[in-house]
Protein backbone atom coordinates (compact mmCIF):
# COMPACT_ATOMS: atom_id res chain seq x y z
CA UNK A 1 -13.28 45.01 -8.55
CA UNK A 2 -10.36 42.75 -9.42
CA UNK A 3 -11.97 40.60 -12.12
CA UNK A 4 -10.54 37.07 -12.23
CA UNK A 5 -12.64 35.96 -15.22
CA UNK A 6 -10.12 37.28 -17.72
CA UNK A 7 -7.35 35.18 -16.18
CA UNK A 8 -9.07 31.85 -16.87
CA UNK A 9 -9.72 32.33 -20.59
CA UNK A 10 -7.64 29.69 -22.39
CA UNK A 11 -4.77 30.97 -24.49
CA UNK A 12 -5.67 29.27 -27.73
CA UNK A 13 -5.78 29.95 -31.42
CA UNK A 14 -8.86 27.79 -31.93
CA UNK A 15 -12.33 27.02 -30.66
CA UNK A 16 -12.04 24.49 -27.82
CA UNK A 17 -14.52 21.88 -26.60
CA UNK A 18 -14.47 23.65 -23.23
CA UNK A 19 -15.84 26.76 -24.94
CA UNK A 20 -19.04 24.76 -25.58
CA UNK A 21 -19.59 23.42 -22.07
CA UNK A 22 -22.38 25.95 -21.57
CA UNK A 23 -24.21 24.73 -24.67
CA UNK A 24 -23.95 24.29 -28.45
CA UNK A 25 -23.38 27.13 -30.88
CA UNK A 26 -24.44 27.59 -34.48
CA UNK A 27 -21.79 29.09 -36.72
CA UNK A 28 -21.88 30.56 -40.23
CA UNK A 29 -18.79 29.75 -42.27
CA UNK A 30 -16.86 32.71 -43.71
CA UNK A 31 -13.71 30.94 -44.93
CA UNK A 32 -11.97 27.58 -44.94
CA UNK A 33 -8.18 27.30 -44.95
CA UNK A 34 -6.28 24.06 -45.48
CA UNK A 35 -2.59 23.84 -44.59
CA UNK A 36 -0.94 20.52 -45.24
CA UNK A 37 1.69 19.05 -42.97
CA UNK A 38 -0.04 20.12 -39.75
CA UNK A 39 -1.77 18.05 -37.09
CA UNK A 40 -4.97 20.02 -37.68
CA UNK A 41 -4.77 21.20 -41.29
CA UNK A 42 -8.40 22.41 -41.65
CA UNK A 43 -9.52 25.70 -40.09
CA UNK A 44 -13.18 26.70 -40.36
CA UNK A 45 -13.51 30.46 -39.91
CA UNK A 46 -16.93 31.80 -38.99
CA UNK A 47 -18.77 34.99 -38.11
CA UNK A 48 -17.75 36.25 -34.68
CA UNK A 49 -14.93 33.72 -34.19
CA UNK A 50 -12.64 36.41 -32.69
CA UNK A 51 -9.66 34.86 -34.40
CA UNK A 52 -10.41 31.39 -33.00
CA UNK A 53 -11.53 29.19 -35.92
CA UNK A 54 -12.98 25.72 -35.56
CA UNK A 55 -10.17 23.28 -36.36
CA UNK A 56 -12.05 20.14 -37.26
CA UNK A 57 -10.62 16.70 -36.55
CA UNK A 58 -10.46 14.14 -39.34
CA UNK A 59 -13.75 12.49 -38.31
CA UNK A 60 -15.69 15.76 -38.52
CA UNK A 61 -13.94 16.61 -41.80
CA UNK A 62 -15.34 13.34 -43.15
CA UNK A 63 -18.79 14.43 -42.00
CA UNK A 64 -18.47 17.76 -43.82
CA UNK A 65 -17.27 16.10 -47.02
CA UNK A 66 -20.15 13.62 -46.87
CA UNK A 67 -22.71 16.40 -46.32
CA UNK A 68 -21.32 19.31 -48.33
CA UNK A 69 -18.87 17.75 -50.77
CA UNK A 70 -15.10 17.99 -51.12
CA UNK A 71 -14.97 21.59 -52.44
CA UNK A 72 -14.38 23.63 -49.26
CA UNK A 73 -14.95 26.92 -51.10
CA UNK A 74 -18.65 26.02 -51.27
CA UNK A 75 -18.87 25.86 -47.46
CA UNK A 76 -18.78 29.66 -47.20
CA UNK A 77 -22.20 31.00 -46.19
CA UNK A 78 -23.37 27.65 -44.86
CA UNK A 79 -24.01 26.94 -41.19
CA UNK A 80 -23.62 24.13 -38.69
CA UNK A 81 -24.23 23.54 -35.00
CA UNK A 82 -21.29 22.48 -32.83
CA UNK A 83 -21.46 20.89 -29.39
CA UNK A 84 -19.10 19.46 -26.78
CA UNK A 85 -19.19 15.66 -26.61
CA UNK A 86 -17.59 14.67 -23.27
CA UNK A 87 -17.18 11.05 -24.43
CA UNK A 88 -14.56 11.82 -27.10
CA UNK A 89 -11.31 10.07 -26.24
CA UNK A 90 -7.71 11.08 -26.82
CA UNK A 91 -4.83 8.79 -25.88
CA UNK A 92 -7.34 6.47 -24.23
CA UNK A 93 -8.83 9.12 -21.95
CA UNK A 94 -12.19 10.88 -22.17
CA UNK A 95 -11.20 14.50 -22.69
CA UNK A 96 -14.16 15.80 -24.66
CA UNK A 97 -14.23 17.07 -28.21
CA UNK A 98 -16.22 19.16 -30.66
CA UNK A 99 -18.86 17.40 -32.73
CA UNK A 100 -21.36 18.54 -35.38
CA UNK A 101 -25.04 17.93 -34.66
CA UNK A 102 -26.82 19.91 -37.41
CA UNK A 103 -25.83 21.25 -40.84
CA UNK A 104 -27.57 23.53 -43.31
CA UNK A 105 -27.94 22.64 -46.99
CA UNK A 106 -28.82 19.00 -46.42
CA UNK A 107 -32.29 17.68 -47.19
CA UNK A 108 -32.60 15.00 -44.54
CA UNK A 109 -30.90 13.32 -41.59
CA UNK A 110 -27.58 11.73 -42.51
CA UNK A 111 -26.00 8.78 -40.74
CA UNK A 112 -22.51 7.57 -41.55
CA UNK A 113 -20.08 5.08 -40.02
CA UNK A 114 -17.06 6.77 -38.44
CA UNK A 115 -14.02 5.00 -37.06
CA UNK A 116 -13.97 4.46 -33.29
CA UNK A 117 -10.95 2.17 -33.20
CA UNK A 118 -9.01 0.50 -35.98
CA UNK A 119 -11.31 -2.49 -35.85
CA UNK A 120 -14.62 -0.78 -35.05
CA UNK A 121 -16.91 1.86 -36.48
CA UNK A 122 -19.89 3.60 -34.97
CA UNK A 123 -22.89 5.39 -36.53
CA UNK A 124 -22.79 9.18 -36.38
CA UNK A 125 -25.89 11.23 -37.18
CA UNK A 126 -26.20 14.80 -38.46
CA UNK A 127 -29.58 16.51 -38.83
CA UNK A 128 -30.73 19.32 -41.14
CA UNK A 129 -30.33 22.82 -39.71
CA UNK A 130 -33.08 25.40 -40.16
CA UNK A 131 -31.53 28.83 -40.48
CA UNK A 132 -33.03 31.77 -38.59
CA UNK A 133 -31.77 35.32 -38.39
CA UNK A 134 -29.62 35.51 -35.27
CA UNK A 135 -26.44 37.27 -34.07
CA UNK A 136 -23.05 35.64 -34.77
CA UNK A 137 -22.03 32.85 -32.42
CA UNK A 138 -20.11 33.95 -29.33
CA UNK A 139 -18.71 30.98 -27.36
CA UNK A 140 -18.41 31.61 -23.62
CA UNK A 141 -14.94 31.72 -21.99
CA UNK A 142 -13.89 28.41 -20.47
CA UNK A 143 -11.79 27.47 -17.49
CA UNK A 144 -9.20 25.35 -19.27
CA UNK A 145 -8.12 24.60 -22.84
CA UNK A 146 -8.92 21.31 -24.51
CA UNK A 147 -6.12 19.26 -26.05
CA UNK A 148 -5.85 19.42 -29.85
CA UNK A 149 -8.50 17.45 -31.71
CA UNK A 150 -6.40 14.49 -32.96
CA UNK A 151 -7.02 12.77 -36.26
CA UNK A 152 -7.70 9.57 -34.35
CA UNK A 153 -10.16 11.08 -31.89
CA UNK A 154 -12.88 8.62 -31.11
CA UNK A 155 -16.43 9.39 -32.08
CA UNK A 156 -18.99 9.98 -29.33
CA UNK A 157 -22.73 10.44 -29.38
CA UNK A 158 -24.59 13.28 -27.62
CA UNK A 159 -25.90 10.82 -25.04
CA UNK A 160 -24.24 7.50 -24.19
CA UNK A 161 -25.20 7.17 -20.54
CA UNK A 162 -26.76 3.87 -19.52
CA UNK A 163 -30.54 4.16 -19.13
CA UNK A 164 -32.26 4.06 -15.79
CA UNK A 165 -33.10 0.41 -15.23
CA UNK A 166 -36.26 1.41 -13.34
CA UNK A 167 -37.81 2.93 -16.46
CA UNK A 168 -39.63 0.28 -18.51
CA UNK A 169 -38.70 0.32 -22.16
CA UNK A 170 -42.31 -0.08 -23.26
CA UNK A 171 -43.60 2.62 -20.94
CA UNK A 172 -45.76 4.23 -23.62
CA UNK A 173 -46.98 4.11 -27.17
CA UNK A 174 -46.56 6.85 -29.72
CA UNK A 175 -49.50 9.25 -29.62
CA UNK A 176 -51.34 9.46 -32.91
CA UNK A 177 -52.14 13.11 -32.22
CA UNK A 178 -48.56 14.15 -31.41
CA UNK A 179 -46.80 16.08 -34.14
CA UNK A 180 -43.02 15.99 -33.83
CA UNK A 181 -41.39 19.32 -34.58
CA UNK A 182 -38.79 19.55 -37.33
CA UNK A 183 -36.01 20.23 -34.81
CA UNK A 184 -36.93 17.42 -32.41
CA UNK A 185 -34.73 14.34 -32.41
CA UNK A 186 -36.38 11.36 -34.07
CA UNK A 187 -35.27 8.72 -31.60
CA UNK A 188 -37.04 5.94 -33.45
CA UNK A 189 -35.17 6.69 -36.68
CA UNK A 190 -31.87 6.85 -34.78
CA UNK A 191 -32.59 3.46 -33.20
CA UNK A 192 -33.12 1.90 -36.62
CA UNK A 193 -29.91 3.46 -37.92
CA UNK A 194 -27.92 2.29 -34.90
CA UNK A 195 -29.25 -1.25 -35.23
CA UNK A 196 -27.65 -1.38 -38.65
CA UNK A 197 -24.26 -1.21 -36.93
CA UNK A 198 -25.05 -3.28 -33.83
CA UNK A 199 -23.73 -6.81 -33.33
CA UNK A 200 -26.09 -9.78 -33.61
CA UNK A 201 -25.93 -10.44 -29.86
CA UNK A 202 -26.73 -6.82 -29.02
CA UNK A 203 -29.58 -6.78 -31.52
CA UNK A 204 -31.03 -9.88 -29.89
CA UNK A 205 -30.77 -8.37 -26.40
CA UNK A 206 -32.37 -5.17 -27.64
CA UNK A 207 -35.30 -7.07 -29.16
CA UNK A 208 -35.80 -8.86 -25.85
CA UNK A 209 -36.09 -5.48 -24.10
CA UNK A 210 -38.75 -4.42 -26.58
CA UNK A 211 -40.93 -7.33 -25.39
CA UNK A 212 -42.60 -7.71 -28.76
CA UNK A 213 -43.10 -4.00 -29.36
CA UNK A 214 -42.06 -2.42 -32.63
CA UNK A 215 -39.68 0.54 -32.60
CA UNK A 216 -42.28 2.69 -34.38
CA UNK A 217 -44.77 2.05 -31.55
CA UNK A 218 -42.54 3.51 -28.81
CA UNK A 219 -43.34 6.87 -27.29
CA UNK A 220 -40.69 9.59 -27.42
CA UNK A 221 -39.60 8.94 -23.82
CA UNK A 222 -39.48 5.18 -24.29
CA UNK A 223 -37.61 5.55 -27.58
CA UNK A 224 -35.03 7.82 -25.93
CA UNK A 225 -34.54 5.25 -23.16
CA UNK A 226 -34.13 2.53 -25.77
CA UNK A 227 -31.63 4.60 -27.76
CA UNK A 228 -29.61 5.35 -24.62
CA UNK A 229 -29.46 1.64 -23.84
CA UNK A 230 -28.41 0.79 -27.39
CA UNK A 231 -25.65 3.40 -27.66
CA UNK A 232 -24.31 2.59 -24.18
CA UNK A 233 -24.10 -1.11 -25.04
CA UNK A 234 -22.39 -0.30 -28.35
CA UNK A 235 -19.85 1.78 -26.45
CA UNK A 236 -19.12 -1.20 -24.17
CA UNK A 237 -18.49 -3.43 -27.17
CA UNK A 238 -15.96 -1.01 -28.66
CA UNK A 239 -13.98 -0.27 -25.48
């Protein structure tokens, strides 16, 4: 058989966003190199990287410093989960980029304000990562390389699509018997964090959609719908 799959593997010296189109990967850091004077000075080497380190953009470097501190030598042995965010922009176009969703060695969810444009910032959330014994990460081959992760890459959220207008925001209340797992997204907490960065007009519109309900009273599905609405509206305000 003449196998074409080998011909479409991107010729790259780094992990690309396209490598994560099939799903996120969790990596364990083996080394961090910093070379000044380059567009992407930070290279995160990890188990099974096959010579293709994760070259973090400036925004994700800020996340790592906030979570793990400025001493990169202490990152070795720690782990984080990377995913492809298709909403990341470069030169005004949505090209996709690599983002961090979970990190080991943090005690609780962290939310920080990262620059979207010169005049706007947007909340970015990272959750604690529970480490389990698993083989080294092996990203799948992708069809095309991603452009370099620029220092000014805009920050995207895992889900920014506008919610389905046919789904009522107050479609359910939180079950008192339901026990959220440690790895499940806490949509209600993310809503509260996002509201801290929302404009007054957006906050007022959001409260109108709640129809008197409190965020803590929303079911998981209703909270996700509410969060999708909130992040989509915040994206509109910053574009």
